[in-house]
Amino acid sequence: MAKIKIKQTKSRIGSPKDQTRTLDALGLRKMNKIVEHEDNATIRGMITKVNHLVTIVE
């Protein structure tokens, strides 16, 4: 499968608990950290939930 790189661009401070848990599940614990995941529907749904906090790095 294809890989997708995700970067946290905004702080999680003040975010609801479910969005914080989604960032944790993605492996994003600090600002400007980049993680790589398989590109599937589950990961895309998680990105959609926190799309205002992350960007996709090409």
N, C-alpha and C. Protein backbone atom coordinates (compact mmCIF):
# COMPACT_ATOMS: atom_id res chain seq x y z
N MET A 1 0.83 -1.20 0.00
CA MET A 1 0.00 0.00 0.00
C MET A 1 0.87 1.25 0.00
N ALA A 2 0.26 2.33 -0.38
CA ALA A 2 0.96 3.62 -0.40
C ALA A 2 1.12 4.15 1.02
N LYS A 3 2.14 4.93 1.20
CA LYS A 3 2.40 5.56 2.50
C LYS A 3 1.93 7.01 2.46
N ILE A 4 1.60 7.53 3.64
CA ILE A 4 1.19 8.93 3.75
C ILE A 4 1.95 9.53 4.93
N LYS A 5 2.47 10.74 4.75
CA LYS A 5 3.20 11.44 5.82
C LYS A 5 2.30 12.53 6.37
N ILE A 6 2.21 12.58 7.70
CA ILE A 6 1.34 13.53 8.37
C ILE A 6 2.19 14.37 9.32
N LYS A 7 1.97 15.68 9.31
CA LYS A 7 2.73 16.59 10.17
C LYS A 7 1.76 17.39 11.03
N GLN A 8 2.04 17.46 12.33
CA GLN A 8 1.22 18.28 13.23
C GLN A 8 1.70 19.72 13.11
N THR A 9 0.80 20.62 12.70
CA THR A 9 1.19 22.00 12.46
C THR A 9 0.65 22.97 13.49
N LYS A 10 -0.36 22.56 14.26
CA LYS A 10 -0.92 23.43 15.28
C LYS A 10 -0.96 22.69 16.61
N SER A 11 -1.02 23.46 17.68
CA SER A 11 -0.98 22.90 19.02
C SER A 11 -2.28 22.20 19.38
N ARG A 12 -2.16 21.19 20.22
CA ARG A 12 -3.33 20.46 20.71
C ARG A 12 -3.93 21.10 21.96
N ILE A 13 -3.29 22.14 22.48
CA ILE A 13 -3.78 22.80 23.69
C ILE A 13 -5.16 23.39 23.43
N GLY A 14 -6.11 23.07 24.27
CA GLY A 14 -7.47 23.58 24.13
C GLY A 14 -8.35 22.73 23.24
N SER A 15 -7.80 21.69 22.65
CA SER A 15 -8.60 20.80 21.79
C SER A 15 -9.43 19.85 22.65
N PRO A 16 -10.57 19.41 22.14
CA PRO A 16 -11.36 18.42 22.88
C PRO A 16 -10.58 17.12 23.08
N LYS A 17 -10.98 16.38 24.08
CA LYS A 17 -10.26 15.17 24.44
C LYS A 17 -10.24 14.14 23.31
N ASP A 18 -11.32 14.05 22.54
CA ASP A 18 -11.34 13.06 21.45
C ASP A 18 -10.33 13.41 20.36
N GLN A 19 -10.11 14.70 20.11
CA GLN A 19 -9.12 15.10 19.11
C GLN A 19 -7.70 14.85 19.64
N THR A 20 -7.49 15.06 20.93
CA THR A 20 -6.19 14.78 21.53
C THR A 20 -5.88 13.29 21.44
N ARG A 21 -6.88 12.46 21.69
CA ARG A 21 -6.68 11.02 21.60
C ARG A 21 -6.42 10.58 20.16
N THR A 22 -7.04 11.25 19.20
CA THR A 22 -6.80 10.94 17.80
C THR A 22 -5.36 11.27 17.42
N LEU A 23 -4.85 12.41 17.88
CA LEU A 23 -3.45 12.75 17.62
C LEU A 23 -2.52 11.73 18.25
N ASP A 24 -2.83 11.28 19.47
CA ASP A 24 -2.03 10.26 20.12
C ASP A 24 -2.03 8.96 19.31
N ALA A 25 -3.20 8.59 18.80
CA ALA A 25 -3.31 7.35 18.02
C ALA A 25 -2.51 7.45 16.72
N LEU A 26 -2.41 8.64 16.17
CA LEU A 26 -1.61 8.83 14.97
C LEU A 26 -0.12 8.88 15.27
N GLY A 27 0.24 9.04 16.54
CA GLY A 27 1.64 9.11 16.93
C GLY A 27 2.19 10.52 16.94
N LEU A 28 1.29 11.51 16.94
CA LEU A 28 1.71 12.92 16.94
C LEU A 28 1.60 13.47 18.35
N ARG A 29 2.74 13.65 18.99
CA ARG A 29 2.75 14.14 20.36
C ARG A 29 3.38 15.52 20.50
N LYS A 30 4.11 15.98 19.48
CA LYS A 30 4.76 17.29 19.52
C LYS A 30 4.49 18.03 18.22
N MET A 31 4.64 19.34 18.30
CA MET A 31 4.49 20.18 17.12
C MET A 31 5.58 19.86 16.10
N ASN A 32 5.24 19.96 14.83
CA ASN A 32 6.16 19.78 13.70
C ASN A 32 6.73 18.37 13.59
N LYS A 33 6.14 17.41 14.30
CA LYS A 33 6.58 16.03 14.16
C LYS A 33 5.90 15.42 12.93
N ILE A 34 6.65 14.60 12.21
CA ILE A 34 6.12 13.94 11.01
C ILE A 34 6.11 12.44 11.25
N VAL A 35 4.97 11.81 10.98
CA VAL A 35 4.83 10.37 11.08
C VAL A 35 4.39 9.82 9.74
N GLU A 36 4.66 8.55 9.52
CA GLU A 36 4.31 7.91 8.26
C GLU A 36 3.40 6.72 8.55
N HIS A 37 2.27 6.64 7.84
CA HIS A 37 1.30 5.57 8.00
C HIS A 37 0.90 5.03 6.65
N GLU A 38 0.29 3.84 6.66
CA GLU A 38 -0.31 3.30 5.45
C GLU A 38 -1.50 4.19 5.07
N ASP A 39 -1.70 4.38 3.80
CA ASP A 39 -2.82 5.21 3.33
C ASP A 39 -4.05 4.32 3.19
N ASN A 40 -4.89 4.32 4.23
CA ASN A 40 -6.13 3.54 4.18
C ASN A 40 -7.27 4.37 4.76
N ALA A 41 -8.46 3.82 4.75
CA ALA A 41 -9.65 4.57 5.15
C ALA A 41 -9.61 4.96 6.63
N THR A 42 -9.05 4.11 7.47
CA THR A 42 -8.99 4.40 8.90
C THR A 42 -8.13 5.63 9.17
N ILE A 43 -6.96 5.65 8.58
CA ILE A 43 -6.05 6.79 8.77
C ILE A 43 -6.64 8.05 8.16
N ARG A 44 -7.26 7.94 6.99
CA ARG A 44 -7.88 9.11 6.36
C ARG A 44 -8.99 9.68 7.23
N GLY A 45 -9.77 8.82 7.89
CA GLY A 45 -10.81 9.29 8.80
C GLY A 45 -10.24 10.02 9.99
N MET A 46 -9.13 9.52 10.52
CA MET A 46 -8.47 10.19 11.65
C MET A 46 -7.94 11.55 11.23
N ILE A 47 -7.38 11.63 10.02
CA ILE A 47 -6.87 12.90 9.52
C ILE A 47 -8.01 13.89 9.35
N THR A 48 -9.14 13.43 8.85
CA THR A 48 -10.29 14.29 8.66
C THR A 48 -10.77 14.87 9.98
N LYS A 49 -10.71 14.07 11.04
CA LYS A 49 -11.18 14.52 12.35
C LYS A 49 -10.32 15.66 12.89
N VAL A 50 -9.01 15.64 12.61
CA VAL A 50 -8.11 16.66 13.14
C VAL A 50 -7.44 17.45 12.01
N ASN A 51 -8.17 17.64 10.91
CA ASN A 51 -7.56 18.29 9.74
C ASN A 51 -7.15 19.74 10.00
N HIS A 52 -7.70 20.38 11.02
CA HIS A 52 -7.31 21.76 11.33
C HIS A 52 -6.01 21.80 12.14
N LEU A 53 -5.51 20.65 12.60
CA LEU A 53 -4.29 20.58 13.40
C LEU A 53 -3.12 19.96 12.63
N VAL A 54 -3.40 19.28 11.52
CA VAL A 54 -2.36 18.55 10.79
C VAL A 54 -2.35 18.94 9.32
N THR A 55 -1.26 18.61 8.66
CA THR A 55 -1.17 18.73 7.21
C THR A 55 -0.56 17.45 6.66
N ILE A 56 -0.83 17.17 5.40
CA ILE A 56 -0.26 16.01 4.74
C ILE A 56 0.97 16.48 3.99
N VAL A 57 2.11 15.84 4.25
CA VAL A 57 3.37 16.19 3.63
C VAL A 57 3.58 15.28 2.44
N GLU A 58 3.86 15.86 1.30
CA GLU A 58 4.05 15.05 0.08
C GLU A 58 5.51 14.75 -0.13
